[in-house]
Amino acid sequence: MSNPKKFAVVLSGCGVFDGAEIHEATLTMYAIVKHGGQYEIFAPDIPQHHVINHITGEEMNETRNVLVESARIARGSIKPLSEFNPEDFDGLIFPGGFGAAKNLSNFAFAGIDSSVNDEVQTAILKMKEAEKPMGALCISPVLMARILDHVELTIGRDEGTVNAVEAMGATHRQTTHGEVVIDKKYKLVTTPCYMLDANILQIGDGAENVIKAMLAMM
């Protein structure tokens, strides 16, 4: 029996409005194991941009750390992204949530002029150089649009975000629930998840379809 494929899952905190989207993160991990893979979880050891009250949507007067918050989802089993070694993994995947656009990058504030966290950029470029598959869910494909030249991807149908990723040089494909877009040159698989008005079953379908497409390229 062949060795199980190993995925690195990169989180951006804990909670849709200021970190990683918990359903997308959890169902990504579930899909990896369901299809015979293994995963390790990483997050950058950096301050969170801000903290949001997920009931009221209002900003809270406190500071949190992206690695420490991500550890909530990882049940404590997590490493700083600085320790990521692409040689140890067959694939790299980014669940969504506003943390991808606030902590892993500043896309939520700078849009087409945004920049990506250095450790995130290094991880993506190293996987590209190794010609290993990558996945991005929900809003996290904006990271790929910023880093990869003329990449093909999807964030669903949100007009403002579509215009932004296209202004950054990406080719956008409109998609609906569970659909994936595969850029064969970069071995990148993307799906919209909660960028659409989705339910948890549809999130599970999207995550599973990304993992299956990545496994097919390994």
C-alpha atoms as a PDB file:
ATOM      1  CA  MET A   1       0.000   0.000   0.000  1.00  0.00           C
ATOM      2  CA  SER A   2       1.344   3.447  -0.954  1.00  0.00           C
ATOM      3  CA  ASN A   3       2.232   6.017   1.665  1.00  0.00           C
ATOM      4  CA  PRO A   4      -0.607   8.441   2.478  1.00  0.00           C
ATOM      5  CA  LYS A   5      -0.358  11.873   0.883  1.00  0.00           C
ATOM      6  CA  LYS A   6       0.473  14.684   3.286  1.00  0.00           C
ATOM      7  CA  PHE A   7      -1.235  18.062   3.227  1.00  0.00           C
ATOM      8  CA  ALA A   8      -0.124  21.252   4.950  1.00  0.00           C
ATOM      9  CA  VAL A   9      -3.188  23.239   6.057  1.00  0.00           C
ATOM     10  CA  VAL A  10      -2.548  26.939   6.686  1.00  0.00           C
ATOM     11  CA  LEU A  11      -4.919  28.747   9.041  1.00  0.00           C
ATOM     12  CA  SER A  12      -5.333  32.476   9.683  1.00  0.00           C
ATOM     13  CA  GLY A  13      -6.891  32.572  13.137  1.00  0.00           C
ATOM     14  CA  CYS A  14     -10.205  31.265  14.479  1.00  0.00           C
ATOM     15  CA  GLY A  15     -13.506  32.689  13.252  1.00  0.00           C
ATOM     16  CA  VAL A  16     -14.875  33.877   9.927  1.00  0.00           C
ATOM     17  CA  PHE A  17     -14.682  37.643  10.480  1.00  0.00           C
ATOM     18  CA  ASP A  18     -11.117  37.904  11.797  1.00  0.00           C
ATOM     19  CA  GLY A  19      -9.500  34.516  11.181  1.00  0.00           C
ATOM     20  CA  ALA A  20      -9.990  31.152   9.509  1.00  0.00           C
ATOM     21  CA  GLU A  21     -13.524  30.051   8.620  1.00  0.00           C
ATOM     22  CA  ILE A  22     -14.067  27.172  11.035  1.00  0.00           C
ATOM     23  CA  HIS A  23     -16.408  25.073   8.858  1.00  0.00           C
ATOM     24  CA  GLU A  24     -14.081  25.334   5.872  1.00  0.00           C
ATOM     25  CA  ALA A  25     -11.027  24.481   7.972  1.00  0.00           C
ATOM     26  CA  THR A  26     -12.659  21.517   9.696  1.00  0.00           C
ATOM     27  CA  LEU A  27     -14.248  20.078   6.567  1.00  0.00           C
ATOM     28  CA  THR A  28     -10.952  20.413   4.694  1.00  0.00           C
ATOM     29  CA  MET A  29      -9.242  18.306   7.349  1.00  0.00           C
ATOM     30  CA  TYR A  30     -12.136  15.832   7.282  1.00  0.00           C
ATOM     31  CA  ALA A  31     -11.914  15.500   3.488  1.00  0.00           C
ATOM     32  CA  ILE A  32      -8.162  14.917   3.608  1.00  0.00           C
ATOM     33  CA  VAL A  33      -8.487  12.032   6.052  1.00  0.00           C
ATOM     34  CA  LYS A  34     -11.635  10.660   4.382  1.00  0.00           C
ATOM     35  CA  HIS A  35      -9.686  10.251   1.144  1.00  0.00           C
ATOM     36  CA  GLY A  36      -6.705   8.565   2.756  1.00  0.00           C
ATOM     37  CA  GLY A  37      -4.466  11.550   3.380  1.00  0.00           C
ATOM     38  CA  GLN A  38      -2.785  13.081   6.396  1.00  0.00           C
ATOM     39  CA  TYR A  39      -2.393  16.704   7.425  1.00  0.00           C
ATOM     40  CA  GLU A  40      -0.364  19.043   9.566  1.00  0.00           C
ATOM     41  CA  ILE A  41      -1.576  22.510  10.494  1.00  0.00           C
ATOM     42  CA  PHE A  42       0.416  25.727  10.276  1.00  0.00           C
ATOM     43  CA  ALA A  43      -0.186  29.418  10.921  1.00  0.00           C
ATOM     44  CA  PRO A  44       2.057  32.467  10.999  1.00  0.00           C
ATOM     45  CA  ASP A  45       3.150  33.543  14.477  1.00  0.00           C
ATOM     46  CA  ILE A  46       1.983  37.167  14.087  1.00  0.00           C
ATOM     47  CA  PRO A  47      -0.486  39.547  15.743  1.00  0.00           C
ATOM     48  CA  GLN A  48      -4.047  39.313  14.455  1.00  0.00           C
ATOM     49  CA  HIS A  49      -5.104  42.478  12.589  1.00  0.00           C
ATOM     50  CA  HIS A  50      -8.059  42.974  14.934  1.00  0.00           C
ATOM     51  CA  VAL A  51     -10.601  40.986  16.949  1.00  0.00           C
ATOM     52  CA  ILE A  52     -14.278  40.924  15.965  1.00  0.00           C
ATOM     53  CA  ASN A  53     -17.250  40.092  18.172  1.00  0.00           C
ATOM     54  CA  HIS A  54     -18.917  37.422  16.037  1.00  0.00           C
ATOM     55  CA  ILE A  55     -22.361  38.205  17.497  1.00  0.00           C
ATOM     56  CA  THR A  56     -22.406  41.959  16.924  1.00  0.00           C
ATOM     57  CA  GLY A  57     -19.805  42.298  14.175  1.00  0.00           C
ATOM     58  CA  GLU A  58     -18.116  45.042  16.174  1.00  0.00           C
ATOM     59  CA  GLU A  59     -14.396  45.359  16.795  1.00  0.00           C
ATOM     60  CA  MET A  60     -13.230  44.426  20.306  1.00  0.00           C
ATOM     61  CA  ASN A  61     -10.554  46.234  22.296  1.00  0.00           C
ATOM     62  CA  GLU A  62      -8.109  43.354  22.611  1.00  0.00           C
ATOM     63  CA  THR A  63      -5.173  41.767  20.796  1.00  0.00           C
ATOM     64  CA  ARG A  64      -4.716  38.148  19.758  1.00  0.00           C
ATOM     65  CA  ASN A  65      -2.085  36.058  17.988  1.00  0.00           C
ATOM     66  CA  VAL A  66      -2.842  34.231  14.722  1.00  0.00           C
ATOM     67  CA  LEU A  67      -0.919  31.075  15.694  1.00  0.00           C
ATOM     68  CA  VAL A  68      -2.481  30.912  19.157  1.00  0.00           C
ATOM     69  CA  GLU A  69      -5.993  31.451  17.781  1.00  0.00           C
ATOM     70  CA  SER A  70      -5.484  28.896  15.001  1.00  0.00           C
ATOM     71  CA  ALA A  71      -4.425  26.390  17.653  1.00  0.00           C
ATOM     72  CA  ARG A  72      -8.053  26.361  18.824  1.00  0.00           C
ATOM     73  CA  ILE A  73      -9.082  24.694  15.551  1.00  0.00           C
ATOM     74  CA  ALA A  74      -5.965  22.518  15.508  1.00  0.00           C
ATOM     75  CA  ARG A  75      -6.634  21.269  19.050  1.00  0.00           C
ATOM     76  CA  GLY A  76      -3.151  22.475  19.930  1.00  0.00           C
ATOM     77  CA  SER A  77      -1.393  20.425  17.256  1.00  0.00           C
ATOM     78  CA  ILE A  78       0.045  23.240  15.136  1.00  0.00           C
ATOM     79  CA  LYS A  79       3.375  24.668  14.024  1.00  0.00           C
ATOM     80  CA  PRO A  80       4.462  28.191  13.097  1.00  0.00           C
ATOM     81  CA  LEU A  81       4.443  28.659   9.339  1.00  0.00           C
ATOM     82  CA  SER A  82       8.158  29.541   9.508  1.00  0.00           C
ATOM     83  CA  GLU A  83       8.795  25.801  10.083  1.00  0.00           C
ATOM     84  CA  PHE A  84       6.966  24.695   6.922  1.00  0.00           C
ATOM     85  CA  ASN A  85       9.188  22.574   4.652  1.00  0.00           C
ATOM     86  CA  PRO A  86       7.688  21.810   1.225  1.00  0.00           C
ATOM     87  CA  GLU A  87       9.815  18.670   0.945  1.00  0.00           C
ATOM     88  CA  ASP A  88       7.719  17.109   3.716  1.00  0.00           C
ATOM     89  CA  PHE A  89       4.357  17.617   1.982  1.00  0.00           C
ATOM     90  CA  ASP A  90       2.510  16.641  -1.172  1.00  0.00           C
ATOM     91  CA  GLY A  91       0.066  19.562  -1.075  1.00  0.00           C
ATOM     92  CA  LEU A  92      -0.633  22.946   0.524  1.00  0.00           C
ATOM     93  CA  ILE A  93      -4.138  24.253   1.218  1.00  0.00           C
ATOM     94  CA  PHE A  94      -5.659  27.473   2.543  1.00  0.00           C
ATOM     95  CA  PRO A  95      -9.194  27.454   3.995  1.00  0.00           C
ATOM     96  CA  GLY A  96     -10.972  30.809   3.769  1.00  0.00           C
ATOM     97  CA  GLY A  97     -12.318  33.310   6.245  1.00  0.00           C
ATOM     98  CA  PHE A  98     -11.485  37.007   6.462  1.00  0.00           C
ATOM     99  CA  GLY A  99      -8.208  36.105   8.174  1.00  0.00           C
ATOM    100  CA  ALA A 100      -6.797  35.269   4.735  1.00  0.00           C
ATOM    101  CA  ALA A 101      -7.516  38.862   3.693  1.00  0.00           C
ATOM    102  CA  LYS A 102      -6.649  40.499   7.043  1.00  0.00           C
ATOM    103  CA  ASN A 103      -3.858  38.406   8.567  1.00  0.00           C
ATOM    104  CA  LEU A 104      -2.260  36.372   5.763  1.00  0.00           C
ATOM    105  CA  SER A 105      -2.505  39.454   3.543  1.00  0.00           C
ATOM    106  CA  ASN A 106      -3.963  42.955   3.705  1.00  0.00           C
ATOM    107  CA  PHE A 107      -6.332  42.442   0.770  1.00  0.00           C
ATOM    108  CA  ALA A 108      -9.361  43.440   2.876  1.00  0.00           C
ATOM    109  CA  PHE A 109      -7.887  46.921   3.258  1.00  0.00           C
ATOM    110  CA  ALA A 110      -5.597  47.453   0.264  1.00  0.00           C
ATOM    111  CA  GLY A 111      -7.414  45.498  -2.468  1.00  0.00           C
ATOM    112  CA  ILE A 112      -5.415  45.393  -5.704  1.00  0.00           C
ATOM    113  CA  ASP A 113      -2.503  47.119  -3.957  1.00  0.00           C
ATOM    114  CA  SER A 114      -2.359  44.446  -1.266  1.00  0.00           C
ATOM    115  CA  SER A 115       0.681  42.484  -0.156  1.00  0.00           C
ATOM    116  CA  VAL A 116       0.961  38.958   1.250  1.00  0.00           C
ATOM    117  CA  ASN A 117       2.670  37.916   4.486  1.00  0.00           C
ATOM    118  CA  ASP A 118       6.280  36.916   3.723  1.00  0.00           C
ATOM    119  CA  GLU A 119       5.973  33.410   5.197  1.00  0.00           C
ATOM    120  CA  VAL A 120       2.763  32.763   3.270  1.00  0.00           C
ATOM    121  CA  GLN A 121       4.356  33.973   0.044  1.00  0.00           C
ATOM    122  CA  THR A 122       7.449  31.833   0.616  1.00  0.00           C
ATOM    123  CA  ALA A 123       5.320  28.716   1.233  1.00  0.00           C
ATOM    124  CA  ILE A 124       3.318  29.268  -1.958  1.00  0.00           C
ATOM    125  CA  LEU A 125       6.364  29.977  -4.119  1.00  0.00           C
ATOM    126  CA  LYS A 126       8.244  26.954  -2.782  1.00  0.00           C
ATOM    127  CA  MET A 127       5.313  24.671  -3.584  1.00  0.00           C
ATOM    128  CA  LYS A 128       5.085  26.220  -7.042  1.00  0.00           C
ATOM    129  CA  GLU A 129       8.793  25.571  -7.624  1.00  0.00           C
ATOM    130  CA  ALA A 130       8.352  21.979  -6.423  1.00  0.00           C
ATOM    131  CA  GLU A 131       5.378  21.624  -8.811  1.00  0.00           C
ATOM    132  CA  LYS A 132       3.172  20.362  -6.006  1.00  0.00           C
ATOM    133  CA  PRO A 133      -0.608  20.971  -5.849  1.00  0.00           C
ATOM    134  CA  MET A 134      -2.141  23.814  -3.876  1.00  0.00           C
ATOM    135  CA  GLY A 135      -5.736  24.521  -2.855  1.00  0.00           C
ATOM    136  CA  ALA A 136      -7.512  27.713  -1.844  1.00  0.00           C
ATOM    137  CA  LEU A 137     -11.078  28.083  -0.572  1.00  0.00           C
ATOM    138  CA  CYS A 138     -13.431  31.046  -0.311  1.00  0.00           C
ATOM    139  CA  ILE A 139     -11.507  34.362  -0.221  1.00  0.00           C
ATOM    140  CA  SER A 140      -8.037  32.785   0.040  1.00  0.00           C
ATOM    141  CA  PRO A 141      -7.553  32.588  -3.765  1.00  0.00           C
ATOM    142  CA  VAL A 142      -6.751  36.332  -3.548  1.00  0.00           C
ATOM    143  CA  LEU A 143      -3.382  35.230  -2.117  1.00  0.00           C
ATOM    144  CA  MET A 144      -2.726  33.271  -5.302  1.00  0.00           C
ATOM    145  CA  ALA A 145      -3.857  36.157  -7.511  1.00  0.00           C
ATOM    146  CA  ARG A 146      -1.312  38.397  -5.811  1.00  0.00           C
ATOM    147  CA  ILE A 147       1.620  35.954  -5.992  1.00  0.00           C
ATOM    148  CA  LEU A 148       1.143  33.852  -9.154  1.00  0.00           C
ATOM    149  CA  ASP A 149       1.285  35.453 -12.610  1.00  0.00           C
ATOM    150  CA  HIS A 150      -1.779  35.007 -14.835  1.00  0.00           C
ATOM    151  CA  VAL A 151      -3.296  32.351 -12.578  1.00  0.00           C
ATOM    152  CA  GLU A 152      -6.774  30.922 -13.243  1.00  0.00           C
ATOM    153  CA  LEU A 153      -9.050  30.699 -10.209  1.00  0.00           C
ATOM    154  CA  THR A 154     -12.486  31.305  -8.696  1.00  0.00           C
ATOM    155  CA  ILE A 155     -13.907  33.174  -5.736  1.00  0.00           C
ATOM    156  CA  GLY A 156     -17.491  32.477  -6.838  1.00  0.00           C
ATOM    157  CA  ARG A 157     -19.425  35.487  -8.131  1.00  0.00           C
ATOM    158  CA  ASP A 158     -18.764  38.481  -5.874  1.00  0.00           C
ATOM    159  CA  GLU A 159     -18.330  41.307  -8.372  1.00  0.00           C
ATOM    160  CA  GLY A 160     -16.009  43.486  -6.319  1.00  0.00           C
ATOM    161  CA  THR A 161     -13.627  40.631  -5.527  1.00  0.00           C
ATOM    162  CA  VAL A 162     -13.765  39.352  -9.114  1.00  0.00           C
ATOM    163  CA  ASN A 163     -12.789  42.790 -10.397  1.00  0.00           C
ATOM    164  CA  ALA A 164      -9.927  42.961  -7.902  1.00  0.00           C
ATOM    165  CA  VAL A 165      -8.398  39.574  -8.741  1.00  0.00           C
ATOM    166  CA  GLU A 166      -8.682  40.329 -12.448  1.00  0.00           C
ATOM    167  CA  ALA A 167      -6.977  43.696 -11.883  1.00  0.00           C
ATOM    168  CA  MET A 168      -4.151  41.757 -10.230  1.00  0.00           C
ATOM    169  CA  GLY A 169      -3.742  39.751 -13.432  1.00  0.00           C
ATOM    170  CA  ALA A 170      -5.720  36.598 -12.635  1.00  0.00           C
ATOM    171  CA  THR A 171      -8.303  34.963 -14.877  1.00  0.00           C
ATOM    172  CA  HIS A 172     -11.535  34.474 -12.934  1.00  0.00           C
ATOM    173  CA  ARG A 173     -14.088  31.721 -13.578  1.00  0.00           C
ATOM    174  CA  GLN A 174     -17.589  32.072 -12.160  1.00  0.00           C
ATOM    175  CA  THR A 175     -18.640  29.043 -10.147  1.00  0.00           C
ATOM    176  CA  THR A 176     -21.426  27.829  -7.928  1.00  0.00           C
ATOM    177  CA  HIS A 177     -21.586  25.497  -4.912  1.00  0.00           C
ATOM    178  CA  GLY A 178     -19.035  22.695  -4.882  1.00  0.00           C
ATOM    179  CA  GLU A 179     -17.487  23.595  -8.219  1.00  0.00           C
ATOM    180  CA  VAL A 180     -13.727  23.819  -8.554  1.00  0.00           C
ATOM    181  CA  VAL A 181     -11.441  25.595 -10.984  1.00  0.00           C
ATOM    182  CA  ILE A 182      -8.108  23.933 -11.762  1.00  0.00           C
ATOM    183  CA  ASP A 183      -5.131  25.871 -13.050  1.00  0.00           C
ATOM    184  CA  LYS A 184      -3.078  23.050 -14.565  1.00  0.00           C
ATOM    185  CA  LYS A 185       0.065  25.159 -14.960  1.00  0.00           C
ATOM    186  CA  TYR A 186       0.230  25.945 -11.235  1.00  0.00           C
ATOM    187  CA  LYS A 187      -1.621  22.815 -10.060  1.00  0.00           C
ATOM    188  CA  LEU A 188      -3.933  25.154  -8.152  1.00  0.00           C
ATOM    189  CA  VAL A 189      -7.488  24.165  -7.187  1.00  0.00           C
ATOM    190  CA  THR A 190      -9.981  26.797  -5.981  1.00  0.00           C
ATOM    191  CA  THR A 191     -13.634  26.765  -4.900  1.00  0.00           C
ATOM    192  CA  PRO A 192     -15.969  29.532  -3.607  1.00  0.00           C
ATOM    193  CA  CYS A 193     -17.428  28.077  -0.363  1.00  0.00           C
ATOM    194  CA  TYR A 194     -18.857  30.913   1.788  1.00  0.00           C
ATOM    195  CA  MET A 195     -18.108  33.543  -0.859  1.00  0.00           C
ATOM    196  CA  LEU A 196     -21.508  32.285  -2.008  1.00  0.00           C
ATOM    197  CA  ASP A 197     -24.627  32.070   0.174  1.00  0.00           C
ATOM    198  CA  ALA A 198     -23.766  28.505   1.178  1.00  0.00           C
ATOM    199  CA  ASN A 199     -24.757  25.965   3.807  1.00  0.00           C
ATOM    200  CA  ILE A 200     -22.438  23.577   5.619  1.00  0.00           C
ATOM    201  CA  LEU A 201     -23.253  20.661   3.296  1.00  0.00           C
ATOM    202  CA  GLN A 202     -22.195  22.740   0.299  1.00  0.00           C
ATOM    203  CA  ILE A 203     -19.001  23.730   2.125  1.00  0.00           C
ATOM    204  CA  GLY A 204     -18.235  20.055   2.663  1.00  0.00           C
ATOM    205  CA  ASP A 205     -18.803  19.325  -1.028  1.00  0.00           C
ATOM    206  CA  GLY A 206     -16.459  22.141  -2.050  1.00  0.00           C
ATOM    207  CA  ALA A 207     -13.695  21.099   0.336  1.00  0.00           C
ATOM    208  CA  GLU A 208     -13.975  17.466  -0.729  1.00  0.00           C
ATOM    209  CA  ASN A 209     -13.852  18.321  -4.422  1.00  0.00           C
ATOM    210  CA  VAL A 210     -10.724  20.422  -3.895  1.00  0.00           C
ATOM    211  CA  ILE A 211      -8.998  17.590  -2.025  1.00  0.00           C
ATOM    212  CA  LYS A 212      -9.954  15.004  -4.648  1.00  0.00           C
ATOM    213  CA  ALA A 213      -8.640  17.240  -7.431  1.00  0.00           C
ATOM    214  CA  MET A 214      -5.381  17.821  -5.549  1.00  0.00           C
ATOM    215  CA  LEU A 215      -4.930  14.104  -4.890  1.00  0.00           C
ATOM    216  CA  ALA A 216      -5.421  13.393  -8.599  1.00  0.00           C
ATOM    217  CA  MET A 217      -2.423  15.641  -9.349  1.00  0.00           C
ATOM    218  CA  MET A 218      -0.114  14.084  -6.745  1.00  0.00           C
END
